[in-house]
Structure formats: C-alpha cells, structure tokens
Amino acid sequence: MTPMSPEQELQRATRARQILDDDLFREAVAAIEQALLRGIQQSAFSDDKLREKLCQRYSLLQDLLGQFRTHIESGMLAEEQIRQRTVSERMQAAWGNLRGNP
C-alpha cells in the first residue's frame, strides 16, 4: 500500500467515523456480537470445535472494528500534522513579510 497524504488519511478517518456511527451498521454489529456471545455461552461444554469457531468469529469482528478505529486514530494524527503545517506556513509567511519578502 502506498503512503497516503495527511489529507487522504483525514478523509479515510471521516469515512471510518461515519461507518462506525451509522445506526444500521451499529445494529448489525450488535446483533452479530450478541449471537456469537450467546452461541459461546450456550454451546455444550464438550463442543470445543464450535466454541473455538465462535470465538474466532468474535475475534474477527473485533479486528474489523479495530481497523476502523485505527483509521480514525490515524486521521487524528493527520489532522494534527495538517494543523502544524498550516501554522508553520503562516509563520513563514509572516517572517517573510517582516523581512520584506512577499
């Protein structure tokens, strides 16, 4: 994967936040999570294979959500980079104006 600009990271973070905040997505995740946990709790003690499969699926669901959160965190860092770059550019422009360079 090619590196992204801070602006691209920020766009991905915005999309990730929109997805995680979407009511339909949240309902779907909650339903899947509840079904998996219920399956784990209700599986027979001797059914190791079923419990292991359900636990793996639960872990995958958490990994998916974690990826969205990672995009959001990367976007927060990108936003800070953009802010710092903007401040730096304004300071350089002000310094150039003070020195007589437009």
PDB file of N, CA and C in Angstrom:
ATOM      1  N   MET A   1       0.846  -1.180   0.000  1.00  0.00           N
ATOM      2  CA  MET A   1       0.000   0.000   0.000  1.00  0.00           C
ATOM      3  C   MET A   1       0.890   1.240   0.000  1.00  0.00           C
ATOM      4  N   THR A   2       0.547   2.185  -0.863  1.00  0.00           N
ATOM      5  CA  THR A   2       1.350   3.402  -0.954  1.00  0.00           C
ATOM      6  C   THR A   2       0.991   4.339   0.194  1.00  0.00           C
ATOM      7  N   PRO A   3       1.977   5.080   0.663  1.00  0.00           N
ATOM      8  CA  PRO A   3       1.702   6.034   1.752  1.00  0.00           C
ATOM      9  C   PRO A   3       0.685   7.075   1.299  1.00  0.00           C
ATOM     10  N   MET A   4      -0.123   7.490   2.250  1.00  0.00           N
ATOM     11  CA  MET A   4      -1.155   8.492   1.961  1.00  0.00           C
ATOM     12  C   MET A   4      -0.746   9.843   2.525  1.00  0.00           C
ATOM     13  N   SER A   5      -1.281  10.853   1.904  1.00  0.00           N
ATOM     14  CA  SER A   5      -1.061  12.205   2.412  1.00  0.00           C
ATOM     15  C   SER A   5      -1.909  12.386   3.670  1.00  0.00           C
ATOM     16  N   PRO A   6      -1.562  13.360   4.493  1.00  0.00           N
ATOM     17  CA  PRO A   6      -2.393  13.635   5.676  1.00  0.00           C
ATOM     18  C   PRO A   6      -3.846  13.918   5.308  1.00  0.00           C
ATOM     19  N   GLU A   7      -4.057  14.576   4.175  1.00  0.00           N
ATOM     20  CA  GLU A   7      -5.424  14.878   3.753  1.00  0.00           C
ATOM     21  C   GLU A   7      -6.192  13.590   3.423  1.00  0.00           C
ATOM     22  N   GLN A   8      -5.515  12.645   2.777  1.00  0.00           N
ATOM     23  CA  GLN A   8      -6.152  11.363   2.467  1.00  0.00           C
ATOM     24  C   GLN A   8      -6.450  10.582   3.751  1.00  0.00           C
ATOM     25  N   GLU A   9      -5.519  10.608   4.685  1.00  0.00           N
ATOM     26  CA  GLU A   9      -5.732   9.937   5.981  1.00  0.00           C
ATOM     27  C   GLU A   9      -6.937  10.531   6.691  1.00  0.00           C
ATOM     28  N   LEU A  10      -7.056  11.841   6.625  1.00  0.00           N
ATOM     29  CA  LEU A  10      -8.178  12.526   7.269  1.00  0.00           C
ATOM     30  C   LEU A  10      -9.507  12.146   6.605  1.00  0.00           C
ATOM     31  N   GLN A  11      -9.505  12.030   5.286  1.00  0.00           N
ATOM     32  CA  GLN A  11     -10.715  11.606   4.571  1.00  0.00           C
ATOM     33  C   GLN A  11     -11.118  10.187   4.975  1.00  0.00           C
ATOM     34  N   ARG A  12     -10.130   9.285   5.078  1.00  0.00           N
ATOM     35  CA  ARG A  12     -10.427   7.902   5.490  1.00  0.00           C
ATOM     36  C   ARG A  12     -10.957   7.872   6.919  1.00  0.00           C
ATOM     37  N   ALA A  13     -10.404   8.691   7.762  1.00  0.00           N
ATOM     38  CA  ALA A  13     -10.872   8.752   9.149  1.00  0.00           C
ATOM     39  C   ALA A  13     -12.318   9.223   9.201  1.00  0.00           C
ATOM     40  N   THR A  14     -12.650  10.197   8.386  1.00  0.00           N
ATOM     41  CA  THR A  14     -14.022  10.703   8.340  1.00  0.00           C
ATOM     42  C   THR A  14     -14.971   9.605   7.882  1.00  0.00           C
ATOM     43  N   ARG A  15     -14.586   8.852   6.856  1.00  0.00           N
ATOM     44  CA  ARG A  15     -15.428   7.746   6.375  1.00  0.00           C
ATOM     45  C   ARG A  15     -15.560   6.663   7.441  1.00  0.00           C
ATOM     46  N   ALA A  16     -14.458   6.344   8.113  1.00  0.00           N
ATOM     47  CA  ALA A  16     -14.500   5.320   9.161  1.00  0.00           C
ATOM     48  C   ALA A  16     -15.437   5.748  10.289  1.00  0.00           C
ATOM     49  N   ARG A  17     -15.358   6.998  10.677  1.00  0.00           N
ATOM     50  CA  ARG A  17     -16.238   7.524  11.729  1.00  0.00           C
ATOM     51  C   ARG A  17     -17.699   7.453  11.283  1.00  0.00           C
ATOM     52  N   GLN A  18     -17.963   7.806  10.030  1.00  0.00           N
ATOM     53  CA  GLN A  18     -19.334   7.746   9.518  1.00  0.00           C
ATOM     54  C   GLN A  18     -19.872   6.319   9.562  1.00  0.00           C
ATOM     55  N   ILE A  19     -19.037   5.367   9.195  1.00  0.00           N
ATOM     56  CA  ILE A  19     -19.456   3.964   9.208  1.00  0.00           C
ATOM     57  C   ILE A  19     -19.735   3.510  10.630  1.00  0.00           C
ATOM     58  N   LEU A  20     -18.799   3.774  11.534  1.00  0.00           N
ATOM     59  CA  LEU A  20     -18.983   3.337  12.921  1.00  0.00           C
ATOM     60  C   LEU A  20     -20.173   4.019  13.587  1.00  0.00           C
ATOM     61  N   ASP A  21     -20.491   5.217  13.170  1.00  0.00           N
ATOM     62  CA  ASP A  21     -21.609   5.952  13.757  1.00  0.00           C
ATOM     63  C   ASP A  21     -22.951   5.639  13.086  1.00  0.00           C
ATOM     64  N   ASP A  22     -22.917   4.927  11.964  1.00  0.00           N
ATOM     65  CA  ASP A  22     -24.137   4.606  11.242  1.00  0.00           C
ATOM     66  C   ASP A  22     -25.005   3.647  12.068  1.00  0.00           C
ATOM     67  N   ASP A  23     -26.269   4.019  12.268  1.00  0.00           N
ATOM     68  CA  ASP A  23     -27.171   3.217  13.095  1.00  0.00           C
ATOM     69  C   ASP A  23     -27.346   1.793  12.574  1.00  0.00           C
ATOM     70  N   LEU A  24     -27.489   1.647  11.276  1.00  0.00           N
ATOM     71  CA  LEU A  24     -27.690   0.322  10.700  1.00  0.00           C
ATOM     72  C   LEU A  24     -26.461  -0.560  10.917  1.00  0.00           C
ATOM     73  N   PHE A  25     -25.281   0.023  10.719  1.00  0.00           N
ATOM     74  CA  PHE A  25     -24.044  -0.727  10.943  1.00  0.00           C
ATOM     75  C   PHE A  25     -23.921  -1.136  12.409  1.00  0.00           C
ATOM     76  N   ARG A  26     -24.211  -0.194  13.296  1.00  0.00           N
ATOM     77  CA  ARG A  26     -24.123  -0.484  14.729  1.00  0.00           C
ATOM     78  C   ARG A  26     -25.094  -1.587  15.141  1.00  0.00           C
ATOM     79  N   GLU A  27     -26.305  -1.539  14.595  1.00  0.00           N
ATOM     80  CA  GLU A  27     -27.289  -2.583  14.895  1.00  0.00           C
ATOM     81  C   GLU A  27     -26.808  -3.947  14.394  1.00  0.00           C
ATOM     82  N   ALA A  28     -26.258  -3.965  13.192  1.00  0.00           N
ATOM     83  CA  ALA A  28     -25.771  -5.218  12.621  1.00  0.00           C
ATOM     84  C   ALA A  28     -24.631  -5.793  13.462  1.00  0.00           C
ATOM     85  N   VAL A  29     -23.692  -4.947  13.845  1.00  0.00           N
ATOM     86  CA  VAL A  29     -22.567  -5.402  14.663  1.00  0.00           C
ATOM     87  C   VAL A  29     -23.062  -5.920  16.010  1.00  0.00           C
ATOM     88  N   ALA A  30     -23.983  -5.191  16.620  1.00  0.00           N
ATOM     89  CA  ALA A  30     -24.518  -5.608  17.921  1.00  0.00           C
ATOM     90  C   ALA A  30     -25.236  -6.954  17.811  1.00  0.00           C
ATOM     91  N   ALA A  31     -26.008  -7.145  16.736  1.00  0.00           N
ATOM     92  CA  ALA A  31     -26.724  -8.408  16.559  1.00  0.00           C
ATOM     93  C   ALA A  31     -25.754  -9.570  16.372  1.00  0.00           C
ATOM     94  N   ILE A  32     -24.723  -9.350  15.566  1.00  0.00           N
ATOM     95  CA  ILE A  32     -23.721 -10.400  15.344  1.00  0.00           C
ATOM     96  C   ILE A  32     -22.975 -10.702  16.637  1.00  0.00           C
ATOM     97  N   GLU A  33     -22.581  -9.658  17.336  1.00  0.00           N
ATOM     98  CA  GLU A  33     -21.852  -9.825  18.593  1.00  0.00           C
ATOM     99  C   GLU A  33     -22.691 -10.599  19.614  1.00  0.00           C
ATOM    100  N   GLN A  34     -23.943 -10.232  19.747  1.00  0.00           N
ATOM    101  CA  GLN A  34     -24.828 -10.921  20.693  1.00  0.00           C
ATOM    102  C   GLN A  34     -25.025 -12.380  20.312  1.00  0.00           C
ATOM    103  N   ALA A  35     -25.200 -12.643  19.024  1.00  0.00           N
ATOM    104  CA  ALA A  35     -25.386 -14.022  18.566  1.00  0.00           C
ATOM    105  C   ALA A  35     -24.152 -14.867  18.844  1.00  0.00           C
ATOM    106  N   LEU A  36     -22.984 -14.300  18.592  1.00  0.00           N
ATOM    107  CA  LEU A  36     -21.739 -15.042  18.845  1.00  0.00           C
ATOM    108  C   LEU A  36     -21.556 -15.326  20.331  1.00  0.00           C
ATOM    109  N   LEU A  37     -21.763 -14.303  21.154  1.00  0.00           N
ATOM    110  CA  LEU A  37     -21.598 -14.489  22.599  1.00  0.00           C
ATOM    111  C   LEU A  37     -22.627 -15.473  23.157  1.00  0.00           C
ATOM    112  N   ARG A  38     -23.844 -15.393  22.661  1.00  0.00           N
ATOM    113  CA  ARG A  38     -24.892 -16.322  23.090  1.00  0.00           C
ATOM    114  C   ARG A  38     -24.508 -17.752  22.679  1.00  0.00           C
ATOM    115  N   GLY A  39     -23.996 -17.900  21.468  1.00  0.00           N
ATOM    116  CA  GLY A  39     -23.554 -19.206  20.995  1.00  0.00           C
ATOM    117  C   GLY A  39     -22.427 -19.775  21.838  1.00  0.00           C
ATOM    118  N   ILE A  40     -21.493 -18.912  22.218  1.00  0.00           N
ATOM    119  CA  ILE A  40     -20.385 -19.359  23.074  1.00  0.00           C
ATOM    120  C   ILE A  40     -20.921 -19.808  24.425  1.00  0.00           C
ATOM    121  N   GLN A  41     -21.805 -19.015  24.999  1.00  0.00           N
ATOM    122  CA  GLN A  41     -22.361 -19.335  26.326  1.00  0.00           C
ATOM    123  C   GLN A  41     -23.217 -20.593  26.304  1.00  0.00           C
ATOM    124  N   GLN A  42     -23.944 -20.809  25.225  1.00  0.00           N
ATOM    125  CA  GLN A  42     -24.888 -21.918  25.185  1.00  0.00           C
ATOM    126  C   GLN A  42     -24.310 -23.190  24.571  1.00  0.00           C
ATOM    127  N   SER A  43     -23.086 -23.121  24.066  1.00  0.00           N
ATOM    128  CA  SER A  43     -22.504 -24.317  23.465  1.00  0.00           C
ATOM    129  C   SER A  43     -22.208 -25.349  24.553  1.00  0.00           C
ATOM    130  N   ALA A  44     -22.307 -26.576  24.135  1.00  0.00           N
ATOM    131  CA  ALA A  44     -22.037 -27.662  25.082  1.00  0.00           C
ATOM    132  C   ALA A  44     -20.585 -27.599  25.525  1.00  0.00           C
ATOM    133  N   PHE A  45     -20.368 -27.914  26.780  1.00  0.00           N
ATOM    134  CA  PHE A  45     -19.019 -27.858  27.339  1.00  0.00           C
ATOM    135  C   PHE A  45     -18.059 -28.738  26.547  1.00  0.00           C
ATOM    136  N   SER A  46     -18.550 -29.823  26.009  1.00  0.00           N
ATOM    137  CA  SER A  46     -17.692 -30.764  25.279  1.00  0.00           C
ATOM    138  C   SER A  46     -17.478 -30.371  23.816  1.00  0.00           C
ATOM    139  N   ASP A  47     -18.176 -29.337  23.343  1.00  0.00           N
ATOM    140  CA  ASP A  47     -18.080 -28.943  21.940  1.00  0.00           C
ATOM    141  C   ASP A  47     -17.000 -27.880  21.745  1.00  0.00           C
ATOM    142  N   ASP A  48     -15.764 -28.292  21.885  1.00  0.00           N
ATOM    143  CA  ASP A  48     -14.625 -27.369  21.768  1.00  0.00           C
ATOM    144  C   ASP A  48     -14.532 -26.738  20.380  1.00  0.00           C
ATOM    145  N   LYS A  49     -14.806 -27.545  19.341  1.00  0.00           N
ATOM    146  CA  LYS A  49     -14.675 -27.027  17.968  1.00  0.00           C
ATOM    147  C   LYS A  49     -15.657 -25.886  17.703  1.00  0.00           C
ATOM    148  N   LEU A  50     -16.889 -26.048  18.146  1.00  0.00           N
ATOM    149  CA  LEU A  50     -17.886 -24.991  17.947  1.00  0.00           C
ATOM    150  C   LEU A  50     -17.497 -23.739  18.714  1.00  0.00           C
ATOM    151  N   ARG A  51     -17.108 -23.905  19.958  1.00  0.00           N
ATOM    152  CA  ARG A  51     -16.726 -22.741  20.774  1.00  0.00           C
ATOM    153  C   ARG A  51     -15.519 -22.035  20.167  1.00  0.00           C
ATOM    154  N   GLU A  52     -14.565 -22.805  19.690  1.00  0.00           N
ATOM    155  CA  GLU A  52     -13.375 -22.207  19.082  1.00  0.00           C
ATOM    156  C   GLU A  52     -13.755 -21.429  17.820  1.00  0.00           C
ATOM    157  N   LYS A  53     -14.632 -21.987  16.998  1.00  0.00           N
ATOM    158  CA  LYS A  53     -15.082 -21.313  15.780  1.00  0.00           C
ATOM    159  C   LYS A  53     -15.813 -20.012  16.123  1.00  0.00           C
ATOM    160  N   LEU A  54     -16.684 -20.071  17.121  1.00  0.00           N
ATOM    161  CA  LEU A  54     -17.417 -18.865  17.529  1.00  0.00           C
ATOM    162  C   LEU A  54     -16.470 -17.808  18.092  1.00  0.00           C
ATOM    163  N   CYS A  55     -15.504 -18.248  18.867  1.00  0.00           N
ATOM    164  CA  CYS A  55     -14.518 -17.299  19.422  1.00  0.00           C
ATOM    165  C   CYS A  55     -13.685 -16.664  18.321  1.00  0.00           C
ATOM    166  N   GLN A  56     -13.325 -17.439  17.310  1.00  0.00           N
ATOM    167  CA  GLN A  56     -12.561 -16.889  16.190  1.00  0.00           C
ATOM    168  C   GLN A  56     -13.386 -15.846  15.439  1.00  0.00           C
ATOM    169  N   ARG A  57     -14.659 -16.137  15.235  1.00  0.00           N
ATOM    170  CA  ARG A  57     -15.519 -15.184  14.537  1.00  0.00           C
ATOM    171  C   ARG A  57     -15.701 -13.913  15.363  1.00  0.00           C
ATOM    172  N   TYR A  58     -15.828 -14.060  16.661  1.00  0.00           N
ATOM    173  CA  TYR A  58     -15.937 -12.897  17.540  1.00  0.00           C
ATOM    174  C   TYR A  58     -14.659 -12.062  17.443  1.00  0.00           C
ATOM    175  N   SER A  59     -13.531 -12.730  17.439  1.00  0.00           N
ATOM    176  CA  SER A  59     -12.245 -12.043  17.334  1.00  0.00           C
ATOM    177  C   SER A  59     -12.133 -11.305  15.998  1.00  0.00           C
ATOM    178  N   LEU A  60     -12.605 -11.927  14.920  1.00  0.00           N
ATOM    179  CA  LEU A  60     -12.580 -11.268  13.614  1.00  0.00           C
ATOM    180  C   LEU A  60     -13.465 -10.025  13.597  1.00  0.00           C
ATOM    181  N   LEU A  61     -14.616 -10.113  14.236  1.00  0.00           N
ATOM    182  CA  LEU A  61     -15.500  -8.950  14.335  1.00  0.00           C
ATOM    183  C   LEU A  61     -14.798  -7.817  15.068  1.00  0.00           C
ATOM    184  N   GLN A  62     -14.121  -8.131  16.159  1.00  0.00           N
ATOM    185  CA  GLN A  62     -13.386  -7.121  16.917  1.00  0.00           C
ATOM    186  C   GLN A  62     -12.226  -6.553  16.101  1.00  0.00           C
ATOM    187  N   ASP A  63     -11.569  -7.408  15.293  1.00  0.00           N
ATOM    188  CA  ASP A  63     -10.497  -6.934  14.415  1.00  0.00           C
ATOM    189  C   ASP A  63     -11.031  -5.940  13.388  1.00  0.00           C
ATOM    190  N   LEU A  64     -12.210  -6.242  12.824  1.00  0.00           N
ATOM    191  CA  LEU A  64     -12.828  -5.340  11.858  1.00  0.00           C
ATOM    192  C   LEU A  64     -13.088  -3.974  12.487  1.00  0.00           C
ATOM    193  N   LEU A  65     -13.692  -3.981  13.658  1.00  0.00           N
ATOM    194  CA  LEU A  65     -13.966  -2.718  14.349  1.00  0.00           C
ATOM    195  C   LEU A  65     -12.669  -2.002  14.700  1.00  0.00           C
ATOM    196  N   GLY A  66     -11.650  -2.766  15.068  1.00  0.00           N
ATOM    197  CA  GLY A  66     -10.345  -2.187  15.387  1.00  0.00           C
ATOM    198  C   GLY A  66      -9.720  -1.487  14.196  1.00  0.00           C
ATOM    199  N   GLN A  67      -9.930  -2.038  12.999  1.00  0.00           N
ATOM    200  CA  GLN A  67      -9.396  -1.401  11.795  1.00  0.00           C
ATOM    201  C   GLN A  67     -10.026  -0.025  11.584  1.00  0.00           C
ATOM    202  N   PHE A  68     -11.324   0.057  11.788  1.00  0.00           N
ATOM    203  CA  PHE A  68     -11.985   1.359  11.666  1.00  0.00           C
ATOM    204  C   PHE A  68     -11.438   2.339  12.699  1.00  0.00           C
ATOM    205  N   ARG A  69     -11.242   1.873  13.923  1.00  0.00           N
ATOM    206  CA  ARG A  69     -10.702   2.747  14.975  1.00  0.00           C
ATOM    207  C   ARG A  69      -9.283   3.189  14.649  1.00  0.00           C
ATOM    208  N   THR A  70      -8.503   2.293  14.047  1.00  0.00           N
ATOM    209  CA  THR A  70      -7.139   2.644  13.642  1.00  0.00           C
ATOM    210  C   THR A  70      -7.163   3.753  12.591  1.00  0.00           C
ATOM    211  N   HIS A  71      -8.094   3.659  11.645  1.00  0.00           N
ATOM    212  CA  HIS A  71      -8.214   4.715  10.633  1.00  0.00           C
ATOM    213  C   HIS A  71      -8.572   6.048  11.293  1.00  0.00           C
ATOM    214  N   ILE A  72      -9.439   5.999  12.276  1.00  0.00           N
ATOM    215  CA  ILE A  72      -9.834   7.227  12.982  1.00  0.00           C
ATOM    216  C   ILE A  72      -8.631   7.814  13.717  1.00  0.00           C
ATOM    217  N   GLU A  73      -7.861   6.974  14.389  1.00  0.00           N
ATOM    218  CA  GLU A  73      -6.678   7.460  15.111  1.00  0.00           C
ATOM    219  C   GLU A  73      -5.643   8.026  14.147  1.00  0.00           C
ATOM    220  N   SER A  74      -5.450   7.360  13.007  1.00  0.00           N
ATOM    221  CA  SER A  74      -4.515   7.879  12.001  1.00  0.00           C
ATOM    222  C   SER A  74      -4.986   9.230  11.485  1.00  0.00           C
ATOM    223  N   GLY A  75      -6.288   9.381  11.328  1.00  0.00           N
ATOM    224  CA  GLY A  75      -6.840  10.654  10.883  1.00  0.00           C
ATOM    225  C   GLY A  75      -6.615  11.760  11.890  1.00  0.00           C
ATOM    226  N   MET A  76      -6.693  11.406  13.179  1.00  0.00           N
ATOM    227  CA  MET A  76      -6.437  12.406  14.216  1.00  0.00           C
ATOM    228  C   MET A  76      -4.990  12.874  14.151  1.00  0.00           C
ATOM    229  N   LEU A  77      -4.067  11.952  13.922  1.00  0.00           N
ATOM    230  CA  LEU A  77      -2.658  12.328  13.774  1.00  0.00           C
ATOM    231  C   LEU A  77      -2.454  13.176  12.520  1.00  0.00           C
ATOM    232  N   ALA A  78      -3.118  12.785  11.438  1.00  0.00           N
ATOM    233  CA  ALA A  78      -3.013  13.544  10.192  1.00  0.00           C
ATOM    234  C   ALA A  78      -3.560  14.953  10.368  1.00  0.00           C
ATOM    235  N   GLU A  79      -4.662  15.059  11.092  1.00  0.00           N
ATOM    236  CA  GLU A  79      -5.244  16.378  11.349  1.00  0.00           C
ATOM    237  C   GLU A  79      -4.254  17.268  12.099  1.00  0.00           C
ATOM    238  N   GLU A  80      -3.560  16.695  13.044  1.00  0.00           N
ATOM    239  CA  GLU A  80      -2.543  17.453  13.792  1.00  0.00           C
ATOM    240  C   GLU A  80      -1.398  17.863  12.868  1.00  0.00           C
ATOM    241  N   GLN A  81      -0.981  16.954  11.965  1.00  0.00           N
ATOM    242  CA  GLN A  81       0.079  17.293  11.008  1.00  0.00           C
ATOM    243  C   GLN A  81      -0.352  18.452  10.118  1.00  0.00           C
ATOM    244  N   ILE A  82      -1.581  18.398   9.646  1.00  0.00           N
ATOM    245  CA  ILE A  82      -2.103  19.470   8.788  1.00  0.00           C
ATOM    246  C   ILE A  82      -2.135  20.784   9.552  1.00  0.00           C
ATOM    247  N   ARG A  83      -2.581  20.721  10.813  1.00  0.00           N
ATOM    248  CA  ARG A  83      -2.650  21.936  11.629  1.00  0.00           C
ATOM    249  C   ARG A  83      -1.261  22.517  11.843  1.00  0.00           C
ATOM    250  N   GLN A  84      -0.294  21.664  12.165  1.00  0.00           N
ATOM    251  CA  GLN A  84       1.068  22.143  12.395  1.00  0.00           C
ATOM    252  C   GLN A  84       1.673  22.712  11.119  1.00  0.00           C
ATOM    253  N   ARG A  85       1.397  22.053   9.999  1.00  0.00           N
ATOM    254  CA  ARG A  85       1.921  22.540   8.717  1.00  0.00           C
ATOM    255  C   ARG A  85       1.332  23.905   8.400  1.00  0.00           C
ATOM    256  N   THR A  86       0.058  24.066   8.657  1.00  0.00           N
ATOM    257  CA  THR A  86      -0.612  25.341   8.399  1.00  0.00           C
ATOM    258  C   THR A  86      -0.031  26.439   9.274  1.00  0.00           C
ATOM    259  N   VAL A  87       0.181  26.148  10.550  1.00  0.00           N
ATOM    260  CA  VAL A  87       0.775  27.131  11.462  1.00  0.00           C
ATOM    261  C   VAL A  87       2.178  27.483  10.990  1.00  0.00           C
ATOM    262  N   SER A  88       2.958  26.477  10.609  1.00  0.00           N
ATOM    263  CA  SER A  88       4.317  26.704  10.143  1.00  0.00           C
ATOM    264  C   SER A  88       4.323  27.574   8.880  1.00  0.00           C
ATOM    265  N   GLU A  89       3.409  27.287   7.963  1.00  0.00           N
ATOM    266  CA  GLU A  89       3.334  28.072   6.726  1.00  0.00           C
ATOM    267  C   GLU A  89       2.963  29.522   7.028  1.00  0.00           C
ATOM    268  N   ARG A  90       2.037  29.735   7.959  1.00  0.00           N
ATOM    269  CA  ARG A  90       1.649  31.103   8.325  1.00  0.00           C
ATOM    270  C   ARG A  90       2.818  31.835   8.989  1.00  0.00           C
ATOM    271  N   MET A  91       3.562  31.116   9.819  1.00  0.00           N
ATOM    272  CA  MET A  91       4.706  31.743  10.481  1.00  0.00           C
ATOM    273  C   MET A  91       5.773  32.115   9.459  1.00  0.00           C
ATOM    274  N   GLN A  92       6.013  31.225   8.488  1.00  0.00           N
ATOM    275  CA  GLN A  92       6.995  31.522   7.453  1.00  0.00           C
ATOM    276  C   GLN A  92       6.557  32.726   6.614  1.00  0.00           C
ATOM    277  N   ALA A  93       5.271  32.793   6.306  1.00  0.00           N
ATOM    278  CA  ALA A  93       4.755  33.929   5.532  1.00  0.00           C
ATOM    279  C   ALA A  93       4.902  35.222   6.328  1.00  0.00           C
ATOM    280  N   ALA A  94       4.588  35.163   7.613  1.00  0.00           N
ATOM    281  CA  ALA A  94       4.711  36.354   8.462  1.00  0.00           C
ATOM    282  C   ALA A  94       6.172  36.779   8.556  1.00  0.00           C
ATOM    283  N   TRP A  95       7.071  35.804   8.691  1.00  0.00           N
ATOM    284  CA  TRP A  95       8.501  36.108   8.783  1.00  0.00           C
ATOM    285  C   TRP A  95       8.976  36.737   7.472  1.00  0.00           C
ATOM    286  N   GLY A  96       8.482  36.204   6.353  1.00  0.00           N
ATOM    287  CA  GLY A  96       8.865  36.780   5.060  1.00  0.00           C
ATOM    288  C   GLY A  96       8.350  38.197   4.907  1.00  0.00           C
ATOM    289  N   ASN A  97       7.155  38.465   5.410  1.00  0.00           N
ATOM    290  CA  ASN A  97       6.592  39.816   5.348  1.00  0.00           C
ATOM    291  C   ASN A  97       7.393  40.782   6.197  1.00  0.00           C
ATOM    292  N   LEU A  98       7.855  40.307   7.346  1.00  0.00           N
ATOM    293  CA  LEU A  98       8.673  41.155   8.222  1.00  0.00           C
ATOM    294  C   LEU A  98      10.007  41.498   7.575  1.00  0.00           C
ATOM    295  N   ARG A  99      10.518  40.551   6.808  1.00  0.00           N
ATOM    296  CA  ARG A  99      11.822  40.758   6.164  1.00  0.00           C
ATOM    297  C   ARG A  99      11.682  41.473   4.831  1.00  0.00           C
ATOM    298  N   GLY A 100      10.433  41.744   4.418  1.00  0.00           N
ATOM    299  CA  GLY A 100      10.213  42.439   3.155  1.00  0.00           C
ATOM    300  C   GLY A 100      10.085  41.512   1.965  1.00  0.00           C
ATOM    301  N   ASN A 101       9.979  40.203   2.221  1.00  0.00           N
ATOM    302  CA  ASN A 101       9.798  39.234   1.134  1.00  0.00           C
ATOM    303  C   ASN A 101       8.325  38.806   1.105  1.00  0.00           C
ATOM    304  N   PRO A 102       7.640  39.050   0.015  1.00  0.00           N
ATOM    305  CA  PRO A 102       6.217  38.684  -0.062  1.00  0.00           C
ATOM    306  C   PRO A 102       6.001  37.183  -0.149  1.00  0.00           C
TER     307      PRO A 102
END
